[in-house]
Amino acid sequence: MEQPTRSLSPQKVLDVWEAGRQQHELDRALTLLAAAHPEVSRDELADLTIGERDAQLLQLRTLIFGGSADGTSQCPQCGERVEFSLDTHTLADAEQLAELARKIEVNGTCLRFRLPTSRDLAEAVTAPDHSRGVRRLIEQCVIKPRILEELSDEIVEALSDAMAKADPQAEIIISLGCPNCGKHWELLFDIAHFFWNEITAQAQRLVYEIDALARTYGWTEPEILALPAQRRRTYLEMLAA
C-alpha cells in the first residue's frame, strides 16, 4: 500500500469511534486505517501483513497524537505501576523490512509460508484456547507441503519463530524494569489496542466539548468541530472560570 497516510479530523475521529465501539479489536484496526486511506478497499487493508498494518497504525497515530506515547504496565512481581514512553515516529520509520525468503527446513521437511494478515488473526481468535489459536494461525500460513495432515509441535514452534523474524514490526517488545523491586520483564506493545484507547479518550473529550459549547452558545456540532482545538479549550476555560 503506497498511498500516504492521512490524519483524521475531529469529525472523522468521532465517526471512527462510533463505528468501532461494537467491533472486535481486529476490525477496529481496519476501521482506523480505512478512515485514513479512503481510496483503499477494506479487503486490501485486511490483506496487509500484521507488521505492515501496525506500521500504518503507528504512522496514523503519530499524525494525530504526535511522536511521544506514554503508557503504563504493572510489575508482575510486586504490582507496582510502571510508566514508560515510546517514540512512535521512530517505530513507524523503522527500516525492518520483512525477509523475502520465507521458507524453513525442520528435520528434513522444507516448508514455505506467508506472513499472517488480519484475516488469519480473525480466524485464529475463534479457536477455543491460545495454543490452538497459534496452531490454527500457523497452519493457515503454510503454503506447502499440503501433504502434511498435521504439523508437529516442533514445526509449529519453528514456523512461529520464522514468521516473527520475517515480519519484525508485527511484534514490538518493550523491556521494562520496576523501580520498586528491581524486577525486569518484557511487554508486548499492541499498537492497535493502545491506539484505540487513545481514540476513545479523544472522542469522549470531543463529545464533552460539543455538549458544553452547544448548551452555552447554541452552536451546531459541525461549527464546534470546525474550531481549532485550542480555541475550543479557551471557550471551555471561560465557562469553568
C-alpha atoms as a PDB file:
ATOM      1  CA  MET A   1       0.000   0.000   0.000  1.00  0.00           C
ATOM      2  CA  GLU A   2       1.855   3.064  -1.280  1.00  0.00           C
ATOM      3  CA  GLN A   3      -0.777   5.737  -0.602  1.00  0.00           C
ATOM      4  CA  PRO A   4       0.256   8.249   2.088  1.00  0.00           C
ATOM      5  CA  THR A   5      -1.416   8.027   5.469  1.00  0.00           C
ATOM      6  CA  ARG A   6      -3.781  10.934   6.183  1.00  0.00           C
ATOM      7  CA  SER A   7      -4.579  12.297   9.612  1.00  0.00           C
ATOM      8  CA  LEU A   8      -8.144  12.242  10.956  1.00  0.00           C
ATOM      9  CA  SER A   9     -10.214  15.345  11.510  1.00  0.00           C
ATOM     10  CA  PRO A  10     -12.192  15.656  14.780  1.00  0.00           C
ATOM     11  CA  GLN A  11     -15.333  14.609  12.875  1.00  0.00           C
ATOM     12  CA  LYS A  12     -13.512  11.540  11.498  1.00  0.00           C
ATOM     13  CA  VAL A  13     -12.327  10.621  14.993  1.00  0.00           C
ATOM     14  CA  LEU A  14     -15.937  10.639  16.188  1.00  0.00           C
ATOM     15  CA  ASP A  15     -17.107   8.646  13.157  1.00  0.00           C
ATOM     16  CA  VAL A  16     -14.394   6.013  13.625  1.00  0.00           C
ATOM     17  CA  TRP A  17     -15.098   5.745  17.352  1.00  0.00           C
ATOM     18  CA  GLU A  18     -18.828   5.290  16.822  1.00  0.00           C
ATOM     19  CA  ALA A  19     -18.256   2.685  14.107  1.00  0.00           C
ATOM     20  CA  GLY A  20     -15.692   0.762  16.124  1.00  0.00           C
ATOM     21  CA  ARG A  21     -17.387   0.677  19.531  1.00  0.00           C
ATOM     22  CA  GLN A  22     -19.229  -2.532  18.714  1.00  0.00           C
ATOM     23  CA  GLN A  23     -16.421  -4.107  16.682  1.00  0.00           C
ATOM     24  CA  HIS A  24     -13.753  -6.628  17.560  1.00  0.00           C
ATOM     25  CA  GLU A  25     -10.267  -5.148  18.059  1.00  0.00           C
ATOM     26  CA  LEU A  26      -9.118  -6.620  14.746  1.00  0.00           C
ATOM     27  CA  ASP A  27     -11.939  -4.846  12.915  1.00  0.00           C
ATOM     28  CA  ARG A  28     -11.268  -1.603  14.779  1.00  0.00           C
ATOM     29  CA  ALA A  29      -7.716  -1.541  13.451  1.00  0.00           C
ATOM     30  CA  LEU A  30      -9.024  -1.830   9.898  1.00  0.00           C
ATOM     31  CA  THR A  31     -11.677   0.824  10.558  1.00  0.00           C
ATOM     32  CA  LEU A  32      -8.938   3.243  11.653  1.00  0.00           C
ATOM     33  CA  LEU A  33      -6.863   2.539   8.554  1.00  0.00           C
ATOM     34  CA  ALA A  34      -9.894   2.761   6.262  1.00  0.00           C
ATOM     35  CA  ALA A  35     -10.600   6.271   7.560  1.00  0.00           C
ATOM     36  CA  ALA A  36      -7.005   7.301   6.823  1.00  0.00           C
ATOM     37  CA  HIS A  37      -6.954   5.579   3.416  1.00  0.00           C
ATOM     38  CA  PRO A  38     -10.404   6.123   1.832  1.00  0.00           C
ATOM     39  CA  GLU A  39      -9.014   5.203  -1.589  1.00  0.00           C
ATOM     40  CA  VAL A  40      -8.013   1.711  -0.387  1.00  0.00           C
ATOM     41  CA  SER A  41     -10.622  -1.032  -0.051  1.00  0.00           C
ATOM     42  CA  ARG A  42     -11.141  -2.769   3.275  1.00  0.00           C
ATOM     43  CA  ASP A  43     -10.239  -6.062   1.586  1.00  0.00           C
ATOM     44  CA  GLU A  44      -6.850  -4.639   0.628  1.00  0.00           C
ATOM     45  CA  LEU A  45      -6.284  -3.463   4.184  1.00  0.00           C
ATOM     46  CA  ALA A  46      -7.225  -6.893   5.515  1.00  0.00           C
ATOM     47  CA  ASP A  47      -4.563  -8.427   3.257  1.00  0.00           C
ATOM     48  CA  LEU A  48      -1.729  -6.387   4.806  1.00  0.00           C
ATOM     49  CA  THR A  49       0.659  -8.398   6.938  1.00  0.00           C
ATOM     50  CA  ILE A  50       0.341  -7.613  10.638  1.00  0.00           C
ATOM     51  CA  GLY A  51       3.683  -5.804  10.506  1.00  0.00           C
ATOM     52  CA  GLU A  52       2.501  -3.662   7.585  1.00  0.00           C
ATOM     53  CA  ARG A  53      -0.806  -2.972   9.327  1.00  0.00           C
ATOM     54  CA  ASP A  54       0.895  -1.946  12.555  1.00  0.00           C
ATOM     55  CA  ALA A  55       3.375   0.273  10.709  1.00  0.00           C
ATOM     56  CA  GLN A  56       0.423   2.105   9.134  1.00  0.00           C
ATOM     57  CA  LEU A  57      -1.275   2.404  12.539  1.00  0.00           C
ATOM     58  CA  LEU A  58       1.910   3.853  14.031  1.00  0.00           C
ATOM     59  CA  GLN A  59       2.111   6.434  11.254  1.00  0.00           C
ATOM     60  CA  LEU A  60      -1.530   7.411  11.717  1.00  0.00           C
ATOM     61  CA  ARG A  61      -1.169   7.571  15.492  1.00  0.00           C
ATOM     62  CA  THR A  62       1.858   9.862  15.097  1.00  0.00           C
ATOM     63  CA  LEU A  63      -0.065  12.197  12.764  1.00  0.00           C
ATOM     64  CA  ILE A  64      -2.944  12.522  15.240  1.00  0.00           C
ATOM     65  CA  PHE A  65      -1.241  12.498  18.643  1.00  0.00           C
ATOM     66  CA  GLY A  66       2.425  13.220  17.896  1.00  0.00           C
ATOM     67  CA  GLY A  67       5.519  11.075  18.224  1.00  0.00           C
ATOM     68  CA  SER A  68       5.547  10.627  22.002  1.00  0.00           C
ATOM     69  CA  ALA A  69       3.399   7.904  23.562  1.00  0.00           C
ATOM     70  CA  ASP A  70       3.128   7.312  27.304  1.00  0.00           C
ATOM     71  CA  GLY A  71       1.838   4.076  28.760  1.00  0.00           C
ATOM     72  CA  THR A  72       1.800   2.049  31.969  1.00  0.00           C
ATOM     73  CA  SER A  73       2.343  -1.555  32.955  1.00  0.00           C
ATOM     74  CA  GLN A  74       2.089  -3.460  36.224  1.00  0.00           C
ATOM     75  CA  CYS A  75       5.117  -5.150  37.703  1.00  0.00           C
ATOM     76  CA  PRO A  76       4.479  -8.922  37.630  1.00  0.00           C
ATOM     77  CA  GLN A  77       6.359  -9.346  40.917  1.00  0.00           C
ATOM     78  CA  CYS A  78       5.200  -6.583  43.266  1.00  0.00           C
ATOM     79  CA  GLY A  79       2.311  -4.992  41.375  1.00  0.00           C
ATOM     80  CA  GLU A  80       3.949  -1.560  41.159  1.00  0.00           C
ATOM     81  CA  ARG A  81       2.599   0.708  38.401  1.00  0.00           C
ATOM     82  CA  VAL A  82       5.443   1.356  35.955  1.00  0.00           C
ATOM     83  CA  GLU A  83       5.303   4.153  33.393  1.00  0.00           C
ATOM     84  CA  PHE A  84       7.059   4.052  30.023  1.00  0.00           C
ATOM     85  CA  SER A  85       7.461   6.313  26.998  1.00  0.00           C
ATOM     86  CA  LEU A  86       7.831   5.442  23.321  1.00  0.00           C
ATOM     87  CA  ASP A  87       8.782   7.369  20.209  1.00  0.00           C
ATOM     88  CA  THR A  88       6.137   6.146  17.759  1.00  0.00           C
ATOM     89  CA  HIS A  89       7.654   8.198  14.941  1.00  0.00           C
ATOM     90  CA  THR A  90      10.851   6.188  15.217  1.00  0.00           C
ATOM     91  CA  LEU A  91       8.942   2.908  15.435  1.00  0.00           C
ATOM     92  CA  ALA A  92       6.893   3.786  12.353  1.00  0.00           C
ATOM     93  CA  ASP A  93      10.010   4.652  10.355  1.00  0.00           C
ATOM     94  CA  ALA A  94      11.992   1.600  11.440  1.00  0.00           C
ATOM     95  CA  GLU A  95      13.682   0.060   8.417  1.00  0.00           C
ATOM     96  CA  GLN A  96      12.861  -3.505   9.377  1.00  0.00           C
ATOM     97  CA  LEU A  97      11.548  -4.988   6.178  1.00  0.00           C
ATOM     98  CA  ALA A  98      10.104  -8.471   6.006  1.00  0.00           C
ATOM     99  CA  GLU A  99      12.548 -11.017   4.680  1.00  0.00           C
ATOM    100  CA  LEU A 100      11.981 -12.111   1.093  1.00  0.00           C
ATOM    101  CA  ALA A 101      12.918 -15.749   1.710  1.00  0.00           C
ATOM    102  CA  ARG A 102      10.029 -17.303   3.585  1.00  0.00           C
ATOM    103  CA  LYS A 103      10.897 -20.915   3.985  1.00  0.00           C
ATOM    104  CA  ILE A 104      12.420 -23.113   6.642  1.00  0.00           C
ATOM    105  CA  GLU A 105      13.583 -26.673   6.975  1.00  0.00           C
ATOM    106  CA  VAL A 106      12.753 -28.747  10.049  1.00  0.00           C
ATOM    107  CA  ASN A 107      14.095 -32.279  10.354  1.00  0.00           C
ATOM    108  CA  GLY A 108      14.429 -32.628   6.598  1.00  0.00           C
ATOM    109  CA  THR A 109      10.981 -31.161   5.851  1.00  0.00           C
ATOM    110  CA  CYS A 110      11.065 -27.972   3.772  1.00  0.00           C
ATOM    111  CA  LEU A 111       8.135 -25.620   4.369  1.00  0.00           C
ATOM    112  CA  ARG A 112       7.195 -22.378   2.658  1.00  0.00           C
ATOM    113  CA  PHE A 113       4.992 -19.899   4.435  1.00  0.00           C
ATOM    114  CA  ARG A 114       3.407 -16.496   4.039  1.00  0.00           C
ATOM    115  CA  LEU A 115       3.080 -13.867   6.727  1.00  0.00           C
ATOM    116  CA  PRO A 116      -0.135 -13.617   8.785  1.00  0.00           C
ATOM    117  CA  THR A 117      -2.753 -10.996   7.943  1.00  0.00           C
ATOM    118  CA  SER A 118      -5.782  -9.637   9.780  1.00  0.00           C
ATOM    119  CA  ARG A 119      -7.864 -12.328   8.083  1.00  0.00           C
ATOM    120  CA  ASP A 120      -5.651 -15.015   9.599  1.00  0.00           C
ATOM    121  CA  LEU A 121      -5.843 -13.465  13.061  1.00  0.00           C
ATOM    122  CA  ALA A 122      -9.636 -13.231  12.796  1.00  0.00           C
ATOM    123  CA  GLU A 123      -9.772 -16.965  12.138  1.00  0.00           C
ATOM    124  CA  ALA A 124      -7.249 -17.792  14.857  1.00  0.00           C
ATOM    125  CA  VAL A 125      -9.119 -15.937  17.626  1.00  0.00           C
ATOM    126  CA  THR A 126     -12.103 -18.256  17.146  1.00  0.00           C
ATOM    127  CA  ALA A 127     -10.029 -21.156  18.489  1.00  0.00           C
ATOM    128  CA  PRO A 128     -11.045 -22.451  21.947  1.00  0.00           C
ATOM    129  CA  ASP A 129      -7.700 -21.583  23.562  1.00  0.00           C
ATOM    130  CA  HIS A 130      -4.454 -19.719  22.878  1.00  0.00           C
ATOM    131  CA  SER A 131      -2.300 -22.709  21.940  1.00  0.00           C
ATOM    132  CA  ARG A 132      -4.824 -23.967  19.404  1.00  0.00           C
ATOM    133  CA  GLY A 133      -5.220 -20.437  18.109  1.00  0.00           C
ATOM    134  CA  VAL A 134      -1.477 -20.238  17.432  1.00  0.00           C
ATOM    135  CA  ARG A 135      -1.571 -23.609  15.696  1.00  0.00           C
ATOM    136  CA  ARG A 136      -4.524 -22.565  13.570  1.00  0.00           C
ATOM    137  CA  LEU A 137      -2.733 -19.365  12.582  1.00  0.00           C
ATOM    138  CA  ILE A 138       0.426 -21.228  11.603  1.00  0.00           C
ATOM    139  CA  GLU A 139      -1.441 -23.874   9.626  1.00  0.00           C
ATOM    140  CA  GLN A 140      -3.259 -21.213   7.619  1.00  0.00           C
ATOM    141  CA  CYS A 141       0.021 -19.600   6.614  1.00  0.00           C
ATOM    142  CA  VAL A 142       1.829 -22.735   5.445  1.00  0.00           C
ATOM    143  CA  ILE A 143       1.996 -22.774   1.643  1.00  0.00           C
ATOM    144  CA  LYS A 144       3.464 -26.234   1.207  1.00  0.00           C
ATOM    145  CA  PRO A 145       3.732 -29.112   1.585  1.00  0.00           C
ATOM    146  CA  ARG A 146      -0.009 -29.623   1.904  1.00  0.00           C
ATOM    147  CA  ILE A 147       0.640 -33.355   2.187  1.00  0.00           C
ATOM    148  CA  LEU A 148       1.270 -32.863   5.906  1.00  0.00           C
ATOM    149  CA  GLU A 149      -2.023 -33.643   7.586  1.00  0.00           C
ATOM    150  CA  GLU A 150      -0.927 -32.155  10.885  1.00  0.00           C
ATOM    151  CA  LEU A 151       2.088 -30.099  11.843  1.00  0.00           C
ATOM    152  CA  SER A 152       4.138 -31.332  14.773  1.00  0.00           C
ATOM    153  CA  ASP A 153       4.657 -29.081  17.796  1.00  0.00           C
ATOM    154  CA  GLU A 154       8.294 -28.698  16.754  1.00  0.00           C
ATOM    155  CA  ILE A 155       7.324 -27.473  13.283  1.00  0.00           C
ATOM    156  CA  VAL A 156       4.693 -25.097  14.700  1.00  0.00           C
ATOM    157  CA  GLU A 157       7.275 -23.564  17.038  1.00  0.00           C
ATOM    158  CA  ALA A 158       9.847 -23.274  14.246  1.00  0.00           C
ATOM    159  CA  LEU A 159       7.344 -21.619  11.914  1.00  0.00           C
ATOM    160  CA  SER A 160       6.217 -19.224  14.646  1.00  0.00           C
ATOM    161  CA  ASP A 161       9.818 -18.115  15.232  1.00  0.00           C
ATOM    162  CA  ALA A 162      10.457 -17.773  11.492  1.00  0.00           C
ATOM    163  CA  MET A 163       7.353 -15.635  10.974  1.00  0.00           C
ATOM    164  CA  ALA A 164       8.335 -13.336  13.832  1.00  0.00           C
ATOM    165  CA  LYS A 165      11.795 -12.833  12.319  1.00  0.00           C
ATOM    166  CA  ALA A 166      10.383 -12.271   8.819  1.00  0.00           C
ATOM    167  CA  ASP A 167       7.915  -9.594   9.954  1.00  0.00           C
ATOM    168  CA  PRO A 168       9.642  -7.855  12.894  1.00  0.00           C
ATOM    169  CA  GLN A 169       7.182  -4.964  13.195  1.00  0.00           C
ATOM    170  CA  ALA A 170       4.390  -7.434  13.940  1.00  0.00           C
ATOM    171  CA  GLU A 171       5.723  -7.735  17.495  1.00  0.00           C
ATOM    172  CA  ILE A 172       7.103  -4.687  19.296  1.00  0.00           C
ATOM    173  CA  ILE A 173       8.710  -5.790  22.552  1.00  0.00           C
ATOM    174  CA  ILE A 174       9.449  -3.271  25.318  1.00  0.00           C
ATOM    175  CA  SER A 175      11.932  -4.054  28.081  1.00  0.00           C
ATOM    176  CA  LEU A 176      10.765  -2.686  31.446  1.00  0.00           C
ATOM    177  CA  GLY A 177      12.204  -2.537  34.938  1.00  0.00           C
ATOM    178  CA  CYS A 178      10.445  -1.958  38.254  1.00  0.00           C
ATOM    179  CA  PRO A 179      11.924   0.874  40.367  1.00  0.00           C
ATOM    180  CA  ASN A 180      10.355  -0.658  43.475  1.00  0.00           C
ATOM    181  CA  CYS A 181      11.594  -4.269  43.466  1.00  0.00           C
ATOM    182  CA  GLY A 182      14.072  -4.320  40.565  1.00  0.00           C
ATOM    183  CA  LYS A 183      12.132  -6.902  38.549  1.00  0.00           C
ATOM    184  CA  HIS A 184      12.801  -6.850  34.779  1.00  0.00           C
ATOM    185  CA  TRP A 185      10.346  -8.124  32.179  1.00  0.00           C
ATOM    186  CA  GLU A 186       9.298  -7.742  28.557  1.00  0.00           C
ATOM    187  CA  LEU A 187       5.992  -6.287  27.402  1.00  0.00           C
ATOM    188  CA  LEU A 188       4.374  -6.838  24.016  1.00  0.00           C
ATOM    189  CA  PHE A 189       3.268  -3.392  22.816  1.00  0.00           C
ATOM    190  CA  ASP A 190      -0.036  -3.781  20.962  1.00  0.00           C
ATOM    191  CA  ILE A 191      -0.353  -0.603  18.898  1.00  0.00           C
ATOM    192  CA  ALA A 192      -3.890  -1.461  17.740  1.00  0.00           C
ATOM    193  CA  HIS A 193      -5.136  -1.749  21.349  1.00  0.00           C
ATOM    194  CA  PHE A 194      -3.113   1.238  22.593  1.00  0.00           C
ATOM    195  CA  PHE A 195      -4.191   3.479  19.701  1.00  0.00           C
ATOM    196  CA  TRP A 196      -7.861   2.573  20.051  1.00  0.00           C
ATOM    197  CA  ASN A 197      -7.828   3.532  23.739  1.00  0.00           C
ATOM    198  CA  GLU A 198      -6.402   6.916  22.758  1.00  0.00           C
ATOM    199  CA  ILE A 199      -9.061   7.376  20.059  1.00  0.00           C
ATOM    200  CA  THR A 200     -11.750   6.531  22.619  1.00  0.00           C
ATOM    201  CA  ALA A 201     -10.430   9.096  25.090  1.00  0.00           C
ATOM    202  CA  GLN A 202     -10.167  11.728  22.342  1.00  0.00           C
ATOM    203  CA  ALA A 203     -13.697  11.054  21.099  1.00  0.00           C
ATOM    204  CA  GLN A 204     -15.140  11.271  24.603  1.00  0.00           C
ATOM    205  CA  ARG A 205     -13.396  14.619  25.121  1.00  0.00           C
ATOM    206  CA  LEU A 206     -14.853  15.865  21.839  1.00  0.00           C
ATOM    207  CA  VAL A 207     -18.361  14.772  22.845  1.00  0.00           C
ATOM    208  CA  TYR A 208     -17.995  16.644  26.143  1.00  0.00           C
ATOM    209  CA  GLU A 209     -16.763  19.778  24.361  1.00  0.00           C
ATOM    210  CA  ILE A 210     -19.608  19.644  21.848  1.00  0.00           C
ATOM    211  CA  ASP A 211     -22.198  19.242  24.602  1.00  0.00           C
ATOM    212  CA  ALA A 212     -20.803  22.049  26.766  1.00  0.00           C
ATOM    213  CA  LEU A 213     -20.365  24.566  23.937  1.00  0.00           C
ATOM    214  CA  ALA A 214     -23.666  23.738  22.250  1.00  0.00           C
ATOM    215  CA  ARG A 215     -25.583  24.207  25.512  1.00  0.00           C
ATOM    216  CA  THR A 216     -23.920  27.557  26.217  1.00  0.00           C
ATOM    217  CA  TYR A 217     -23.605  29.151  22.792  1.00  0.00           C
ATOM    218  CA  GLY A 218     -26.142  27.255  20.707  1.00  0.00           C
ATOM    219  CA  TRP A 219     -23.537  26.273  18.129  1.00  0.00           C
ATOM    220  CA  THR A 220     -24.015  23.203  15.989  1.00  0.00           C
ATOM    221  CA  GLU A 221     -21.711  20.193  16.135  1.00  0.00           C
ATOM    222  CA  PRO A 222     -20.025  20.990  12.771  1.00  0.00           C
ATOM    223  CA  GLU A 223     -19.443  24.582  13.912  1.00  0.00           C
ATOM    224  CA  ILE A 224     -17.826  23.424  17.151  1.00  0.00           C
ATOM    225  CA  LEU A 225     -15.645  20.803  15.484  1.00  0.00           C
ATOM    226  CA  ALA A 226     -14.507  23.347  12.905  1.00  0.00           C
ATOM    227  CA  LEU A 227     -12.902  25.389  15.696  1.00  0.00           C
ATOM    228  CA  PRO A 228      -9.197  24.743  16.366  1.00  0.00           C
ATOM    229  CA  ALA A 229      -8.642  22.529  19.425  1.00  0.00           C
ATOM    230  CA  GLN A 230      -7.010  25.371  21.370  1.00  0.00           C
ATOM    231  CA  ARG A 231      -9.946  27.673  20.627  1.00  0.00           C
ATOM    232  CA  ARG A 232     -12.399  25.086  21.978  1.00  0.00           C
ATOM    233  CA  ARG A 233     -10.307  24.732  25.139  1.00  0.00           C
ATOM    234  CA  THR A 234     -10.247  28.518  25.576  1.00  0.00           C
ATOM    235  CA  TYR A 235     -14.038  28.674  25.489  1.00  0.00           C
ATOM    236  CA  LEU A 236     -14.264  25.792  27.955  1.00  0.00           C
ATOM    237  CA  GLU A 237     -11.835  27.527  30.300  1.00  0.00           C
ATOM    238  CA  MET A 238     -14.035  30.621  30.170  1.00  0.00           C
ATOM    239  CA  LEU A 239     -17.049  28.512  31.112  1.00  0.00           C
ATOM    240  CA  ALA A 240     -15.191  26.989  34.055  1.00  0.00           C
ATOM    241  CA  ALA A 241     -13.947  30.345  35.357  1.00  0.00           C
END
